[in-house]
Amino acid sequence: MAEVTGIDHIYLTVSDLARSEVFYDLVLMDALEFRKNKFTLGGEPHVQYFNRHFGFVLRPIHAMAKHDPYSPGLHHFCLRVDSAAEVVAVAEQLCSAGIEASPAKLYPQYAPDYTATFFADPDGIQLEVTNYRQERRERHDHWR
């Protein structure tokens, strides 16, 4: 049996590629140190952000519909950083860049050490940045 070792890439369809590129430059490149390239696929422009672990790609829409996190499909996308202090720094950087991110805070109802900030992209897709919690570290380190 094959084990999944990570997410290779995520594709988001966006209503305005240029507007979303500005937003994701601030979030992924400036706050989270992703790199970026652009390519054309099927005659359509794509913007790809990537780090050592996975890619995050923006592509233009074919039909207009506002994202609803409570309809079937994506509810939210959560990115993980190493520490609670990094979550605080990311939230502050996003706010400084004009992105309406919630203040980073502890959410003990999720886990005793769960710190997160929440925000939405220009199409209303809900995003979160959280810390690498002890339970996740133990799961990783003691899987077998």
C-alpha atoms as a PDB file:
ATOM      1  CA  MET A   1       0.000   0.000   0.000  1.00  0.00           C
ATOM      2  CA  ALA A   2       1.286   3.493  -0.849  1.00  0.00           C
ATOM      3  CA  GLU A   3       1.501   6.167   1.837  1.00  0.00           C
ATOM      4  CA  VAL A   4       0.673   9.774   0.982  1.00  0.00           C
ATOM      5  CA  THR A   5       3.657  11.854   2.071  1.00  0.00           C
ATOM      6  CA  GLY A   6       2.205  15.310   1.497  1.00  0.00           C
ATOM      7  CA  ILE A   7       0.088  17.536  -0.690  1.00  0.00           C
ATOM      8  CA  ASP A   8       1.759  18.067  -4.045  1.00  0.00           C
ATOM      9  CA  HIS A   9      -0.282  21.051  -5.190  1.00  0.00           C
ATOM     10  CA  ILE A  10      -3.534  22.956  -4.701  1.00  0.00           C
ATOM     11  CA  TYR A  11      -5.322  24.743  -7.553  1.00  0.00           C
ATOM     12  CA  LEU A  12      -7.589  27.709  -6.835  1.00  0.00           C
ATOM     13  CA  THR A  13      -9.847  29.149  -9.491  1.00  0.00           C
ATOM     14  CA  VAL A  14     -10.069  32.924  -9.045  1.00  0.00           C
ATOM     15  CA  SER A  15     -12.390  35.561 -10.499  1.00  0.00           C
ATOM     16  CA  ASP A  16      -9.667  38.170 -11.113  1.00  0.00           C
ATOM     17  CA  LEU A  17      -6.192  36.708 -11.589  1.00  0.00           C
ATOM     18  CA  ALA A  18      -4.363  40.049 -11.253  1.00  0.00           C
ATOM     19  CA  ARG A  19      -6.204  40.983  -8.027  1.00  0.00           C
ATOM     20  CA  SER A  20      -5.645  37.533  -6.528  1.00  0.00           C
ATOM     21  CA  GLU A  21      -1.978  37.584  -7.518  1.00  0.00           C
ATOM     22  CA  VAL A  22      -1.463  40.800  -5.520  1.00  0.00           C
ATOM     23  CA  PHE A  23      -3.217  39.238  -2.495  1.00  0.00           C
ATOM     24  CA  TYR A  24      -1.340  35.918  -2.650  1.00  0.00           C
ATOM     25  CA  ASP A  25       1.985  37.708  -3.203  1.00  0.00           C
ATOM     26  CA  LEU A  26       1.415  39.388   0.182  1.00  0.00           C
ATOM     27  CA  VAL A  27       0.298  36.186   1.905  1.00  0.00           C
ATOM     28  CA  LEU A  28       2.434  33.477   0.356  1.00  0.00           C
ATOM     29  CA  MET A  29       5.580  35.300  -0.723  1.00  0.00           C
ATOM     30  CA  ASP A  30       5.934  38.146   1.749  1.00  0.00           C
ATOM     31  CA  ALA A  31       4.530  36.487   4.893  1.00  0.00           C
ATOM     32  CA  LEU A  32       5.266  32.794   4.246  1.00  0.00           C
ATOM     33  CA  GLU A  33       8.370  32.835   1.991  1.00  0.00           C
ATOM     34  CA  PHE A  34       6.956  30.963  -1.003  1.00  0.00           C
ATOM     35  CA  ARG A  35       8.493  31.489  -4.426  1.00  0.00           C
ATOM     36  CA  LYS A  36       6.508  32.227  -7.591  1.00  0.00           C
ATOM     37  CA  ASN A  37       6.475  31.584 -11.300  1.00  0.00           C
ATOM     38  CA  LYS A  38       3.945  31.996 -14.078  1.00  0.00           C
ATOM     39  CA  PHE A  39       3.008  29.665 -16.881  1.00  0.00           C
ATOM     40  CA  THR A  40       0.342  29.128 -19.510  1.00  0.00           C
ATOM     41  CA  LEU A  41      -1.687  25.935 -19.624  1.00  0.00           C
ATOM     42  CA  GLY A  42      -4.312  25.361 -22.301  1.00  0.00           C
ATOM     43  CA  GLY A  43      -3.856  28.950 -23.413  1.00  0.00           C
ATOM     44  CA  GLU A  44      -4.711  30.293 -19.941  1.00  0.00           C
ATOM     45  CA  PRO A  45      -2.336  32.147 -17.616  1.00  0.00           C
ATOM     46  CA  HIS A  46      -1.528  30.514 -14.277  1.00  0.00           C
ATOM     47  CA  VAL A  47       0.378  31.841 -11.269  1.00  0.00           C
ATOM     48  CA  GLN A  48       2.208  29.233  -9.211  1.00  0.00           C
ATOM     49  CA  TYR A  49       3.504  29.701  -5.681  1.00  0.00           C
ATOM     50  CA  PHE A  50       5.687  26.997  -4.206  1.00  0.00           C
ATOM     51  CA  ASN A  51       7.928  26.097  -1.314  1.00  0.00           C
ATOM     52  CA  ARG A  52       9.967  22.961  -0.655  1.00  0.00           C
ATOM     53  CA  HIS A  53       6.826  21.011   0.234  1.00  0.00           C
ATOM     54  CA  PHE A  54       4.041  21.852  -2.227  1.00  0.00           C
ATOM     55  CA  GLY A  55       2.629  24.196  -4.840  1.00  0.00           C
ATOM     56  CA  PHE A  56      -0.333  26.570  -4.734  1.00  0.00           C
ATOM     57  CA  VAL A  57      -1.623  27.569  -8.180  1.00  0.00           C
ATOM     58  CA  LEU A  58      -4.071  30.288  -9.257  1.00  0.00           C
ATOM     59  CA  ARG A  59      -6.003  29.906 -12.497  1.00  0.00           C
ATOM     60  CA  PRO A  60      -8.752  32.043 -14.078  1.00  0.00           C
ATOM     61  CA  ILE A  61     -12.429  31.132 -13.757  1.00  0.00           C
ATOM     62  CA  HIS A  62     -14.695  29.933 -16.546  1.00  0.00           C
ATOM     63  CA  ALA A  63     -17.946  30.873 -14.774  1.00  0.00           C
ATOM     64  CA  MET A  64     -18.660  33.389 -12.007  1.00  0.00           C
ATOM     65  CA  ALA A  65     -19.899  32.181  -8.618  1.00  0.00           C
ATOM     66  CA  LYS A  66     -18.961  33.468  -5.147  1.00  0.00           C
ATOM     67  CA  HIS A  67     -17.272  30.961  -2.832  1.00  0.00           C
ATOM     68  CA  ASP A  68     -19.539  29.631  -0.084  1.00  0.00           C
ATOM     69  CA  PRO A  69     -17.607  27.702   2.597  1.00  0.00           C
ATOM     70  CA  TYR A  70     -20.826  25.979   3.701  1.00  0.00           C
ATOM     71  CA  SER A  71     -21.665  24.579   0.261  1.00  0.00           C
ATOM     72  CA  PRO A  72     -20.142  21.305  -0.919  1.00  0.00           C
ATOM     73  CA  GLY A  73     -16.458  21.766  -1.583  1.00  0.00           C
ATOM     74  CA  LEU A  74     -13.682  23.616   0.168  1.00  0.00           C
ATOM     75  CA  HIS A  75     -14.533  25.017   3.607  1.00  0.00           C
ATOM     76  CA  HIS A  76     -11.119  26.547   4.305  1.00  0.00           C
ATOM     77  CA  PHE A  77      -7.445  26.038   3.615  1.00  0.00           C
ATOM     78  CA  CYS A  78      -4.998  26.015   6.529  1.00  0.00           C
ATOM     79  CA  LEU A  79      -1.266  26.581   6.208  1.00  0.00           C
ATOM     80  CA  ARG A  80       1.047  25.550   9.026  1.00  0.00           C
ATOM     81  CA  VAL A  81       4.106  27.358  10.358  1.00  0.00           C
ATOM     82  CA  ASP A  82       6.451  26.059  13.037  1.00  0.00           C
ATOM     83  CA  SER A  83       5.479  28.045  16.118  1.00  0.00           C
ATOM     84  CA  ALA A  84       2.787  30.172  17.745  1.00  0.00           C
ATOM     85  CA  ALA A  85       5.204  33.121  17.606  1.00  0.00           C
ATOM     86  CA  GLU A  86       5.366  32.716  13.817  1.00  0.00           C
ATOM     87  CA  VAL A  87       1.545  32.742  13.635  1.00  0.00           C
ATOM     88  CA  VAL A  88       1.576  36.041  15.540  1.00  0.00           C
ATOM     89  CA  ALA A  89       4.220  37.454  13.176  1.00  0.00           C
ATOM     90  CA  VAL A  90       2.277  36.338  10.083  1.00  0.00           C
ATOM     91  CA  ALA A  91      -0.979  37.863  11.381  1.00  0.00           C
ATOM     92  CA  GLU A  92       0.791  41.146  12.113  1.00  0.00           C
ATOM     93  CA  GLN A  93       2.435  41.179   8.694  1.00  0.00           C
ATOM     94  CA  LEU A  94      -0.861  40.459   6.913  1.00  0.00           C
ATOM     95  CA  CYS A  95      -2.589  43.278   8.827  1.00  0.00           C
ATOM     96  CA  SER A  96       0.297  45.633   8.024  1.00  0.00           C
ATOM     97  CA  ALA A  97      -0.200  44.772   4.349  1.00  0.00           C
ATOM     98  CA  GLY A  98      -3.889  45.695   4.554  1.00  0.00           C
ATOM     99  CA  ILE A  99      -5.287  42.160   4.783  1.00  0.00           C
ATOM    100  CA  GLU A 100      -8.079  41.765   7.343  1.00  0.00           C
ATOM    101  CA  ALA A 101      -6.546  38.903   9.322  1.00  0.00           C
ATOM    102  CA  SER A 102      -7.834  38.103  12.779  1.00  0.00           C
ATOM    103  CA  PRO A 103      -5.403  38.661  15.633  1.00  0.00           C
ATOM    104  CA  ALA A 104      -3.439  35.485  16.276  1.00  0.00           C
ATOM    105  CA  LYS A 105      -4.711  33.848  19.434  1.00  0.00           C
ATOM    106  CA  LEU A 106      -4.939  30.563  21.262  1.00  0.00           C
ATOM    107  CA  TYR A 107      -7.975  28.355  20.466  1.00  0.00           C
ATOM    108  CA  PRO A 108      -7.977  25.760  23.276  1.00  0.00           C
ATOM    109  CA  GLN A 109     -11.301  24.365  22.058  1.00  0.00           C
ATOM    110  CA  TYR A 110      -9.353  22.940  19.069  1.00  0.00           C
ATOM    111  CA  ALA A 111      -6.227  21.864  20.985  1.00  0.00           C
ATOM    112  CA  PRO A 112      -4.399  23.129  24.084  1.00  0.00           C
ATOM    113  CA  ASP A 113      -1.633  24.666  21.937  1.00  0.00           C
ATOM    114  CA  TYR A 114      -3.646  25.702  18.826  1.00  0.00           C
ATOM    115  CA  THR A 115      -2.784  29.259  17.793  1.00  0.00           C
ATOM    116  CA  ALA A 116      -4.264  30.619  14.569  1.00  0.00           C
ATOM    117  CA  THR A 117      -5.132  33.625  12.459  1.00  0.00           C
ATOM    118  CA  PHE A 118      -8.012  33.637   9.959  1.00  0.00           C
ATOM    119  CA  PHE A 119      -8.606  35.711   6.813  1.00  0.00           C
ATOM    120  CA  ALA A 120     -10.237  35.493   3.374  1.00  0.00           C
ATOM    121  CA  ASP A 121      -8.927  35.938  -0.145  1.00  0.00           C
ATOM    122  CA  PRO A 122     -10.543  38.343  -2.655  1.00  0.00           C
ATOM    123  CA  ASP A 123     -13.052  35.648  -3.729  1.00  0.00           C
ATOM    124  CA  GLY A 124     -14.063  34.843  -0.146  1.00  0.00           C
ATOM    125  CA  ILE A 125     -12.044  31.628   0.191  1.00  0.00           C
ATOM    126  CA  GLN A 126     -11.327  31.205   3.889  1.00  0.00           C
ATOM    127  CA  LEU A 127      -7.675  30.826   4.861  1.00  0.00           C
ATOM    128  CA  GLU A 128      -5.965  30.066   8.142  1.00  0.00           C
ATOM    129  CA  VAL A 129      -2.393  29.949   9.417  1.00  0.00           C
ATOM    130  CA  THR A 130      -1.741  27.779  12.463  1.00  0.00           C
ATOM    131  CA  ASN A 131       1.236  26.446  14.373  1.00  0.00           C
ATOM    132  CA  TYR A 132       2.790  22.970  14.307  1.00  0.00           C
ATOM    133  CA  ARG A 133       1.131  21.617  17.415  1.00  0.00           C
ATOM    134  CA  GLN A 134       2.520  18.984  19.755  1.00  0.00           C
ATOM    135  CA  GLU A 135      -0.097  16.398  18.755  1.00  0.00           C
ATOM    136  CA  ARG A 136       0.879  16.794  15.088  1.00  0.00           C
ATOM    137  CA  ARG A 137       4.583  16.561  15.913  1.00  0.00           C
ATOM    138  CA  GLU A 138       4.030  13.371  17.930  1.00  0.00           C
ATOM    139  CA  ARG A 139       1.895  11.875  15.173  1.00  0.00           C
ATOM    140  CA  HIS A 140       4.659  12.595  12.672  1.00  0.00           C
ATOM    141  CA  ASP A 141       7.520  11.398  14.853  1.00  0.00           C
ATOM    142  CA  HIS A 142       5.834   8.246  16.195  1.00  0.00           C
ATOM    143  CA  TRP A 143       3.663   7.160  13.249  1.00  0.00           C
ATOM    144  CA  ARG A 144       4.670   3.518  13.228  1.00  0.00           C
END
